[in-house]
Protein backbone atom coordinates (compact mmCIF):
# COMPACT_ATOMS: atom_id res chain seq x y z
CA MET A 1 0.00 0.00 0.00
CA ARG A 2 1.36 3.40 -1.02
CA TYR A 3 0.12 6.65 0.48
CA VAL A 4 -0.30 9.50 -2.01
CA ILE A 5 -0.49 12.78 -0.08
CA LEU A 6 -2.38 15.30 -2.19
CA GLY A 7 -1.49 18.67 -0.66
CA PRO A 8 1.53 18.25 1.65
CA GLY A 9 1.02 21.39 3.70
CA ALA A 10 0.79 21.50 7.48
CA ILE A 11 -1.64 18.58 7.78
CA GLY A 12 -0.65 16.56 4.72
CA ALA A 13 3.09 16.80 5.33
CA THR A 14 2.72 15.84 8.99
CA ILE A 15 0.63 12.78 8.13
CA GLY A 16 2.87 11.86 5.20
CA GLY A 17 6.06 12.58 7.10
CA ARG A 18 4.99 10.50 10.07
CA LEU A 19 3.98 7.60 7.81
CA ALA A 20 7.25 7.76 5.86
CA ALA A 21 9.34 7.96 9.02
CA GLY A 22 7.51 4.85 10.23
CA GLY A 23 8.48 2.88 7.13
CA CYS A 24 5.40 3.32 4.94
CA ASP A 25 5.67 3.95 1.21
CA VAL A 26 4.72 7.62 0.70
CA VAL A 27 4.74 10.09 -2.16
CA LEU A 28 3.87 13.78 -1.87
CA VAL A 29 2.01 15.73 -4.57
CA GLY A 30 2.45 19.47 -4.27
CA ARG A 31 3.18 22.68 -6.12
CA GLY A 32 5.07 25.95 -6.02
CA GLU A 33 8.05 26.83 -3.86
CA HIS A 34 7.19 24.22 -1.25
CA ALA A 35 7.30 21.38 -3.79
CA ALA A 36 10.53 22.73 -5.26
CA ALA A 37 12.19 22.92 -1.83
CA VAL A 38 11.18 19.37 -0.89
CA LYS A 39 12.39 18.08 -4.26
CA ARG A 40 15.79 19.70 -3.67
CA THR A 41 16.50 18.81 -0.06
CA GLY A 42 13.65 16.70 1.34
CA LEU A 43 10.84 17.54 3.73
CA VAL A 44 11.90 19.08 7.04
CA LEU A 45 9.44 17.92 9.70
CA ALA A 46 10.13 19.53 13.07
CA MET A 47 8.64 17.62 16.01
CA PRO A 48 8.99 17.97 19.78
CA ASP A 49 11.53 15.14 20.03
CA ARG A 50 13.50 15.72 16.85
CA VAL A 51 13.83 17.59 13.56
CA ALA A 52 13.80 15.12 10.67
CA ARG A 53 14.83 15.73 7.07
CA LEU A 54 12.82 13.14 5.16
CA PRO A 55 13.72 12.20 1.55
CA ILE A 56 10.11 11.62 0.51
CA PRO A 57 9.49 11.77 -3.26
CA MET A 58 7.71 14.98 -4.25
CA LEU A 59 5.79 15.17 -7.50
CA THR A 60 3.65 17.76 -9.20
CA ALA A 61 0.16 16.69 -10.25
CA ASP A 62 1.18 16.28 -13.90
CA GLU A 63 4.06 13.95 -12.89
CA LEU A 64 1.83 11.65 -10.83
CA ARG A 65 1.17 8.08 -11.91
CA LEU A 66 -1.05 5.90 -9.75
CA THR A 67 -1.28 2.18 -8.98
CA ALA A 68 -4.17 -0.01 -7.90
CA ALA A 69 -2.57 -0.28 -4.44
CA ASP A 70 -2.56 3.47 -3.78
CA VAL A 71 -4.45 5.18 -0.97
CA LEU A 72 -5.11 8.86 -1.66
CA ILE A 73 -4.94 11.29 1.27
CA LEU A 74 -6.65 14.51 0.17
CA ALA A 75 -5.19 17.30 2.29
CA VAL A 76 -5.57 20.38 0.10
CA LYS A 77 -7.60 23.27 1.47
CA SER A 78 -11.30 22.93 0.70
CA GLN A 79 -11.22 25.72 -1.89
CA ASP A 80 -8.71 23.63 -3.89
CA THR A 81 -10.65 20.35 -3.85
CA ALA A 82 -12.38 20.90 -7.21
CA GLN A 83 -9.10 21.65 -8.97
CA MET A 84 -7.45 18.56 -7.48
CA LEU A 85 -10.36 16.36 -8.56
CA ASN A 86 -10.03 17.68 -12.11
CA GLN A 87 -6.30 16.91 -12.07
CA LEU A 88 -6.85 13.40 -10.72
CA ALA A 89 -9.33 12.63 -13.49
CA ALA A 90 -6.48 12.85 -16.00
CA VAL A 91 -4.00 10.68 -14.07
CA ALA A 92 -3.22 7.24 -15.46
CA VAL A 93 -3.54 4.17 -13.23
CA GLU A 94 -1.55 0.98 -13.87
CA ASP A 95 -3.30 -2.28 -14.79
CA GLY A 96 -6.27 -0.47 -16.27
CA THR A 97 -7.77 0.36 -12.88
CA CYS A 98 -10.15 3.32 -12.96
CA VAL A 99 -8.88 6.21 -10.85
CA GLY A 100 -12.36 6.49 -9.36
CA ASP A 101 -11.94 3.04 -7.78
CA LEU A 102 -9.09 4.17 -5.51
CA PRO A 103 -9.84 5.01 -1.87
CA VAL A 104 -9.74 8.70 -0.92
CA PHE A 105 -9.39 9.97 2.66
CA CYS A 106 -10.47 13.61 3.06
CA ALA A 107 -8.13 14.98 5.75
CA GLN A 108 -9.58 18.49 5.47
CA ASN A 109 -11.47 21.08 7.43
CA GLY A 110 -15.08 21.66 6.48
CA ILE A 111 -17.96 19.28 5.77
CA ALA A 112 -18.46 19.61 2.00
CA ASN A 113 -15.39 17.80 0.65
CA GLU A 114 -16.63 14.24 1.09
CA ASP A 115 -19.76 14.93 -0.92
CA ALA A 116 -17.73 16.59 -3.69
CA VAL A 117 -15.28 13.67 -3.85
CA LEU A 118 -18.15 11.16 -3.93
CA ARG A 119 -19.09 12.50 -7.37
CA CYS A 120 -15.79 11.16 -8.73
CA PHE A 121 -14.72 8.34 -6.38
CA ASP A 122 -16.58 5.30 -5.12
CA ARG A 123 -14.66 4.79 -1.85
CA VAL A 124 -14.61 8.01 0.16
CA TYR A 125 -13.58 8.38 3.80
CA GLY A 126 -13.95 11.38 6.05
CA VAL A 127 -11.14 12.32 8.41
CA CYS A 128 -11.72 14.62 11.36
CA VAL A 129 -8.26 16.11 11.91
CA SER A 130 -7.04 17.39 15.28
CA LEU A 131 -3.40 18.08 14.53
CA PRO A 132 -1.53 21.26 15.47
CA ALA A 133 0.95 21.94 12.68
CA THR A 134 2.35 25.02 10.97
CA HIS A 135 3.55 25.54 7.42
CA VAL A 136 4.72 29.03 6.51
CA GLU A 137 8.19 28.28 5.10
CA PRO A 138 8.81 26.29 1.89
CA GLY A 139 10.03 22.79 2.63
CA VAL A 140 9.39 23.03 6.37
CA VAL A 141 6.47 21.89 8.54
CA VAL A 142 6.39 22.18 12.33
CA ALA A 143 4.24 19.57 14.11
CA SER A 144 3.63 20.77 17.66
CA GLY A 145 1.68 17.86 19.15
CA SER A 146 3.13 15.71 21.92
CA PRO A 147 3.36 12.80 22.65
CA VAL A 148 1.60 12.17 19.33
CA SER A 149 1.38 14.63 16.47
CA GLY A 150 -2.40 14.50 16.36
CA VAL A 151 -5.63 12.55 16.61
CA LEU A 152 -7.65 11.48 13.56
CA GLN A 153 -11.20 10.14 13.43
CA LEU A 154 -11.72 7.97 10.32
CA GLY A 155 -14.93 6.75 8.73
CA ARG A 156 -16.46 5.76 5.40
CA TYR A 157 -18.70 8.31 3.70
CA PRO A 158 -21.66 7.92 3.67
CA ALA A 159 -21.84 6.30 7.08
CA SER A 160 -21.07 2.58 7.24
CA PRO A 161 -19.06 0.22 9.47
CA PRO A 162 -15.24 0.40 9.16
CA ASP A 163 -13.86 -1.68 6.29
CA ASP A 164 -10.48 -3.32 5.68
CA VAL A 165 -9.00 -0.21 4.06
CA ALA A 166 -9.94 2.03 6.99
CA ARG A 167 -8.58 -0.52 9.47
CA ALA A 168 -5.28 -0.80 7.59
CA VAL A 169 -4.85 2.97 7.40
CA ALA A 170 -5.71 3.36 11.09
CA ALA A 171 -3.15 0.72 12.01
CA ASP A 172 -0.41 2.53 10.07
CA LEU A 173 -1.30 5.88 11.64
CA ASP A 174 -1.26 4.42 15.14
CA ARG A 175 2.12 2.84 14.50
CA CYS A 176 3.64 6.04 13.12
CA GLY A 177 3.12 8.69 15.79
CA LEU A 178 -0.54 9.55 15.32
CA THR A 179 -3.67 8.32 17.09
CA SER A 180 -6.70 7.20 15.10
CA PHE A 181 -10.25 6.13 15.91
CA LEU A 182 -12.57 4.32 13.53
CA ARG A 183 -16.10 5.73 13.40
CA ALA A 184 -19.17 4.25 11.76
CA ASP A 185 -20.28 7.83 11.07
CA VAL A 186 -17.46 10.36 11.05
CA MET A 187 -19.50 13.37 9.92
CA PRO A 188 -20.85 14.29 13.38
CA TRP A 189 -17.18 14.62 14.40
CA LYS A 190 -16.40 16.79 11.39
CA ARG A 191 -19.37 19.03 12.18
CA ALA A 192 -18.09 19.42 15.73
CA LYS A 193 -14.69 20.34 14.31
CA LEU A 194 -16.33 22.91 12.05
CA LEU A 195 -17.80 24.62 15.11
CA SER A 196 -14.28 25.26 16.37
CA ASN A 197 -12.93 26.20 12.92
CA LEU A 198 -15.49 29.00 12.56
CA ALA A 199 -13.22 31.15 14.74
CA ASN A 200 -10.17 30.62 12.49
CA ALA A 201 -10.80 33.83 10.58
CA LEU A 202 -10.80 35.88 13.78
CA GLN A 203 -7.06 35.25 14.08
CA VAL A 204 -6.69 37.17 10.83
CA LEU A 205 -9.42 39.79 11.21
CA CYS A 206 -9.33 40.95 14.82
CA THR A 207 -6.77 42.89 16.80
CA ASP A 208 -7.20 40.44 19.67
CA GLY A 209 -7.90 37.41 17.51
CA LEU A 210 -4.97 35.32 18.71
CA GLN A 211 -6.25 34.87 22.24
CA ARG A 212 -7.62 31.41 23.02
CA HIS A 213 -11.12 31.30 21.59
CA ALA A 214 -12.30 28.70 24.09
CA HIS A 215 -11.76 31.28 26.84
CA ALA A 216 -12.48 34.46 24.89
CA GLN A 217 -14.40 37.14 26.76
CA GLY A 218 -16.11 40.41 25.92
CA ALA A 219 -16.95 41.15 22.29
CA LEU A 220 -14.63 38.43 20.99
CA GLY A 221 -16.33 35.85 23.18
CA GLU A 222 -19.72 37.04 21.94
CA VAL A 223 -18.58 36.69 18.31
CA VAL A 224 -17.34 33.14 18.91
CA ALA A 225 -20.59 32.19 20.64
CA ARG A 226 -22.69 33.69 17.83
CA LEU A 227 -20.68 31.94 15.12
CA ARG A 228 -21.17 28.58 16.77
CA GLY A 229 -24.78 29.23 17.70
CA GLU A 230 -25.70 30.04 14.11
CA ALA A 231 -23.98 26.87 12.90
CA SER A 232 -25.67 24.71 15.53
CA ALA A 233 -29.05 26.11 14.49
CA CYS A 234 -28.28 25.25 10.85
CA PHE A 235 -27.25 21.70 11.75
CA ALA A 236 -30.45 21.25 13.74
CA ALA A 237 -32.55 22.59 10.85
CA ALA A 238 -30.83 20.14 8.50
CA GLY A 239 -31.48 17.27 10.92
CA TRP A 240 -27.76 16.56 11.29
CA ALA A 241 -26.15 14.96 14.33
CA VAL A 242 -23.15 16.69 15.94
CA THR A 243 -20.76 15.10 18.42
CA ASP A 244 -21.30 16.91 21.71
CA THR A 245 -18.55 19.06 23.18
CA ARG A 246 -17.61 16.73 26.01
CA ALA A 247 -17.31 13.66 23.76
CA TYR A 248 -15.41 15.67 21.14
CA GLN A 249 -12.88 16.95 23.65
CA ALA A 250 -12.41 13.48 25.11
CA GLY A 251 -11.96 11.94 21.66
CA THR A 252 -9.49 14.50 20.34
CA GLY A 253 -7.49 15.41 23.44
CA GLY A 254 -4.63 12.92 23.24
CA PHE A 255 -1.87 15.49 22.83
CA GLN A 256 -0.52 18.79 24.10
CA ILE A 257 0.72 21.70 22.00
CA VAL A 258 4.37 22.41 22.81
CA THR A 259 7.11 24.69 21.54
CA VAL A 260 9.19 23.01 18.82
CA ALA A 261 12.74 24.08 17.96
CA GLY A 262 12.11 27.42 19.62
CA ARG A 263 8.96 28.05 17.57
CA SER A 264 5.59 28.62 19.21
CA ARG A 265 2.45 27.98 17.17
CA SER A 266 1.12 31.41 16.21
CA GLY A 267 -2.10 30.63 14.39
CA GLY A 268 -4.30 28.11 12.63
CA SER A 269 -4.79 27.17 9.01
CA THR A 270 -6.49 30.38 7.86
CA TRP A 271 -3.85 32.56 9.50
CA GLN A 272 -1.12 30.48 7.85
CA SER A 273 -2.66 30.99 4.39
CA VAL A 274 -2.67 34.76 4.88
CA GLU A 275 0.84 34.70 6.35
CA ARG A 276 2.08 32.90 3.23
CA GLY A 277 0.33 35.43 0.97
CA LEU A 278 -1.95 32.88 -0.71
CA PRO A 279 -4.70 34.32 -2.93
CA THR A 280 -7.49 32.26 -1.33
CA VAL A 281 -8.46 31.08 2.14
CA GLU A 282 -10.86 28.39 3.36
CA THR A 283 -13.41 30.75 4.94
CA ASP A 284 -15.99 30.14 2.19
CA PHE A 285 -16.01 26.47 3.23
CA LEU A 286 -16.13 27.18 6.96
CA ASN A 287 -18.21 30.27 7.76
CA GLY A 288 -19.48 30.26 4.18
CA GLU A 289 -20.78 26.72 4.60
CA VAL A 290 -22.85 27.92 7.56
CA VAL A 291 -24.18 30.79 5.45
CA ARG A 292 -25.09 28.32 2.69
CA LEU A 293 -26.91 26.05 5.13
CA GLY A 294 -28.71 29.05 6.59
CA ARG A 295 -29.99 30.04 3.16
CA LEU A 296 -31.14 26.47 2.48
CA HIS A 297 -32.99 26.10 5.77
CA GLY A 298 -34.14 29.63 6.53
CA VAL A 299 -31.75 30.18 9.47
CA PRO A 300 -30.25 33.69 9.90
CA THR A 301 -26.44 33.65 9.91
CA PRO A 302 -25.42 37.35 10.13
CA VAL A 303 -22.17 36.92 12.07
CA ASN A 304 -20.85 34.11 9.89
CA GLY A 305 -21.83 36.23 6.89
CA ALA A 306 -19.94 39.22 8.27
CA VAL A 307 -16.82 37.10 8.83
CA GLN A 308 -17.05 35.68 5.31
CA ALA A 309 -17.43 39.14 3.78
CA ARG A 310 -14.55 40.65 5.74
CA MET A 311 -12.23 37.75 4.86
CA ALA A 312 -13.04 38.35 1.19
CA GLU A 313 -11.75 41.90 1.72
CA ILE A 314 -8.54 40.47 3.19
CA THR A 315 -7.91 38.31 0.12
CA ARG A 316 -8.66 41.27 -2.15
CA ARG A 317 -6.15 43.30 -0.11
CA SER A 318 -8.76 45.97 0.65
CA LEU A 319 -8.62 45.25 4.39
CA SER A 320 -5.48 44.88 6.47
CA PRO A 321 -5.11 41.83 8.73
CA ARG A 322 -5.90 42.31 12.42
CA SER A 323 -7.42 45.74 11.86
CA LEU A 324 -10.92 45.07 13.21
CA GLU A 325 -12.33 45.09 16.70
CA ALA A 326 -14.47 42.07 17.43
CA ALA A 327 -17.46 44.37 18.02
CA ASP A 328 -17.27 45.41 14.34
CA LEU A 329 -18.48 41.92 13.38
CA LEU A 330 -21.58 42.33 15.55
CA ALA A 331 -22.53 45.76 14.21
CA GLY A 332 -24.64 44.53 11.30
């Protein structure tokens, strides 16, 4: 079994790096300066106990050739899923296997990727990722979790009991410095993760956005509560189950975030995209997903809508990062 990591950023490179360091066959599929740096000198994966330079093969999408034994780990940001699916459609598979027959694990934030992938692939698995990692420098990823790099919930999409592929992947992850749990229905876990990800944009937008959202007070605390309340109302209107907070914390709390090689973790995935100067961020598939659900089910989502609109201004460079007060997001 070979693991093909599609999008070796903070999450993908940590998963792929851990698997490769544990003896699994891994190939990375990336682009830009990051791919070029890894091709030249290998992937640098900084962890609490060591800094490893891993000679994992790095390919661009047009160089990729697949085999019937491949397991695809989709770790691109949600806004890049459609482009990756289009690229995969053109990739040749040995032995005449159809690319759509390969298993795909969606190790991504948001709750829309699995459904999108299901249009093109028969075997789709959701992955609820709790993994503190940072990627802001080409060729380098810092994984800050200890004693394991992260905790992953795995499950077939749509819901069904774990199969042999999921069990084999979970066994490799557990052996290679990650913790995994097999779920008959992983989507309630991913919806619970979305509730926490709704505050990601605040790290970019707000002057005080880097304080811990779980303990935020004042206007920032009110924004966080409103974001999550709107989402919960949308989930209820859709008739969707959500893993409750206590069970979610118990199931994802198998690590601590520590300083690695003198580097403290400064922000989450949305902050990292802005820090790297990327032209898009995942907000449309986090807060924007709540707005979409609200429109479908007649649930007002004004605060998620305000966050989505302001993040669009950030990507258009018409608003400077960390220039808003949290109360500005409640004004409308």
